[in-house]
């Protein structure tokens, strides 16, 4: 029977063979979280923006050596914190009462 160390070693070899990329949707989320545009990522990976779009929509997969470079994406600088938007205190507006467009005539009674 294999020992725990042998099993761990064989799993480590298996994982080292092929880089595991996140799912296409996760790739887009990681890129956006890093504050990188598709165009900028494409330029860094020496490919086209359409290719990066295809990777993020699952239409194609990056070919070596790009997967290794793509895996480094989470290590890019994080997005700067967004400035907080303070809401103005709400002002209660008076409800408008609809005004009739015409006034009905009052008929005079004839004697």
Protein backbone atom coordinates (compact mmCIF):
# COMPACT_ATOMS: atom_id res chain seq x y z
CA UNK A 1 0.00 0.00 0.00
CA UNK A 2 1.27 3.48 -0.88
CA UNK A 3 2.25 5.79 1.91
CA UNK A 4 0.76 9.22 2.39
CA UNK A 5 4.01 10.87 1.28
CA UNK A 6 4.03 8.89 -1.98
CA UNK A 7 0.42 9.84 -2.70
CA UNK A 8 1.10 13.50 -2.01
CA UNK A 9 4.21 13.39 -4.21
CA UNK A 10 2.30 11.83 -7.11
CA UNK A 11 -0.46 14.43 -6.82
CA UNK A 12 2.15 17.21 -6.76
CA UNK A 13 3.72 15.81 -9.96
CA UNK A 14 0.30 15.66 -11.59
CA UNK A 15 -0.49 19.28 -10.68
CA UNK A 16 2.94 20.48 -11.81
CA UNK A 17 2.52 18.94 -15.28
CA UNK A 18 -0.30 21.09 -16.52
CA UNK A 19 -1.15 24.55 -15.25
CA UNK A 20 -4.71 24.74 -13.98
CA UNK A 21 -6.47 27.85 -15.21
CA UNK A 22 -9.61 29.11 -13.55
CA UNK A 23 -12.94 28.90 -15.32
CA UNK A 24 -13.55 31.44 -18.09
CA UNK A 25 -15.90 33.54 -15.93
CA UNK A 26 -13.36 33.48 -13.10
CA UNK A 27 -10.64 34.63 -15.49
CA UNK A 28 -12.65 37.73 -16.34
CA UNK A 29 -13.37 38.38 -12.66
CA UNK A 30 -9.70 38.07 -11.71
CA UNK A 31 -8.65 40.38 -14.53
CA UNK A 32 -11.22 42.99 -13.54
CA UNK A 33 -10.31 42.66 -9.86
CA UNK A 34 -6.70 43.35 -10.80
CA UNK A 35 -7.79 46.48 -12.65
CA UNK A 36 -6.52 45.26 -16.01
CA UNK A 37 -8.38 45.81 -19.27
CA UNK A 38 -8.61 43.14 -21.94
CA UNK A 39 -6.56 45.32 -24.27
CA UNK A 40 -3.80 45.76 -21.69
CA UNK A 41 -3.73 42.04 -20.88
CA UNK A 42 -3.60 41.20 -24.59
CA UNK A 43 -0.69 43.57 -25.05
CA UNK A 44 1.18 42.03 -22.10
CA UNK A 45 0.60 38.49 -23.39
CA UNK A 46 1.50 39.46 -26.97
CA UNK A 47 -1.90 38.50 -28.37
CA UNK A 48 -5.07 40.26 -29.51
CA UNK A 49 -7.94 41.60 -27.45
CA UNK A 50 -10.31 39.26 -29.31
CA UNK A 51 -8.24 36.28 -28.16
CA UNK A 52 -8.51 37.39 -24.53
CA UNK A 53 -12.27 37.82 -25.02
CA UNK A 54 -12.45 34.27 -26.42
CA UNK A 55 -10.56 32.94 -23.38
CA UNK A 56 -12.93 34.70 -20.99
CA UNK A 57 -16.04 33.45 -22.82
CA UNK A 58 -14.77 29.86 -23.03
CA UNK A 59 -14.53 29.79 -26.82
CA UNK A 60 -10.83 28.93 -26.70
CA UNK A 61 -8.03 28.18 -24.24
CA UNK A 62 -4.62 29.85 -23.99
CA UNK A 63 -1.76 27.82 -25.47
CA UNK A 64 1.69 27.53 -23.85
CA UNK A 65 3.46 29.60 -22.64
CA UNK A 66 0.49 31.94 -22.11
CA UNK A 67 -1.32 29.84 -19.45
CA UNK A 68 1.67 30.18 -17.12
CA UNK A 69 1.71 33.94 -17.64
CA UNK A 70 -2.08 34.11 -17.28
CA UNK A 71 -1.85 32.36 -13.91
CA UNK A 72 0.21 35.23 -12.57
CA UNK A 73 -2.72 37.58 -13.02
CA UNK A 74 -4.04 37.33 -9.43
CA UNK A 75 -0.70 38.64 -8.24
CA UNK A 76 -1.14 41.92 -10.08
CA UNK A 77 -1.87 45.03 -8.10
CA UNK A 78 -5.35 45.20 -6.61
CA UNK A 79 -7.84 47.85 -7.57
CA UNK A 80 -7.54 51.06 -5.61
CA UNK A 81 -10.37 51.50 -3.13
CA UNK A 82 -13.35 53.35 -4.50
CA UNK A 83 -14.14 56.68 -2.92
CA UNK A 84 -17.22 56.40 -0.81
CA UNK A 85 -20.25 58.16 -2.15
CA UNK A 86 -22.10 59.95 0.56
CA UNK A 87 -25.76 60.27 -0.08
CA UNK A 88 -27.45 63.54 0.49
CA UNK A 89 -29.99 63.51 3.23
CA UNK A 90 -33.33 62.84 1.71
CA UNK A 91 -35.66 65.79 1.54
CA UNK A 92 -39.30 64.96 1.82
CA UNK A 93 -41.17 66.51 -1.01
CA UNK A 94 -44.70 67.58 -0.63
CA UNK A 95 -47.07 65.49 -2.56
CA UNK A 96 -48.68 67.35 -5.41
CA UNK A 97 -52.41 67.35 -5.59
CA UNK A 98 -53.67 67.07 -9.15
CA UNK A 99 -55.45 70.16 -10.38
CA UNK A 100 -58.50 69.58 -12.59
CA UNK A 101 -57.98 70.71 -16.14
CA UNK A 102 -61.41 72.26 -16.39
CA UNK A 103 -64.02 73.52 -13.98
CA UNK A 104 -67.53 72.28 -14.46
CA UNK A 105 -69.99 75.09 -15.16
CA UNK A 106 -72.61 75.89 -12.65
CA UNK A 107 -76.00 76.08 -14.31
CA UNK A 108 -78.32 78.77 -13.27
CA UNK A 109 -81.80 77.80 -12.48
CA UNK A 110 -84.43 79.62 -14.39
CA UNK A 111 -87.31 81.01 -12.38
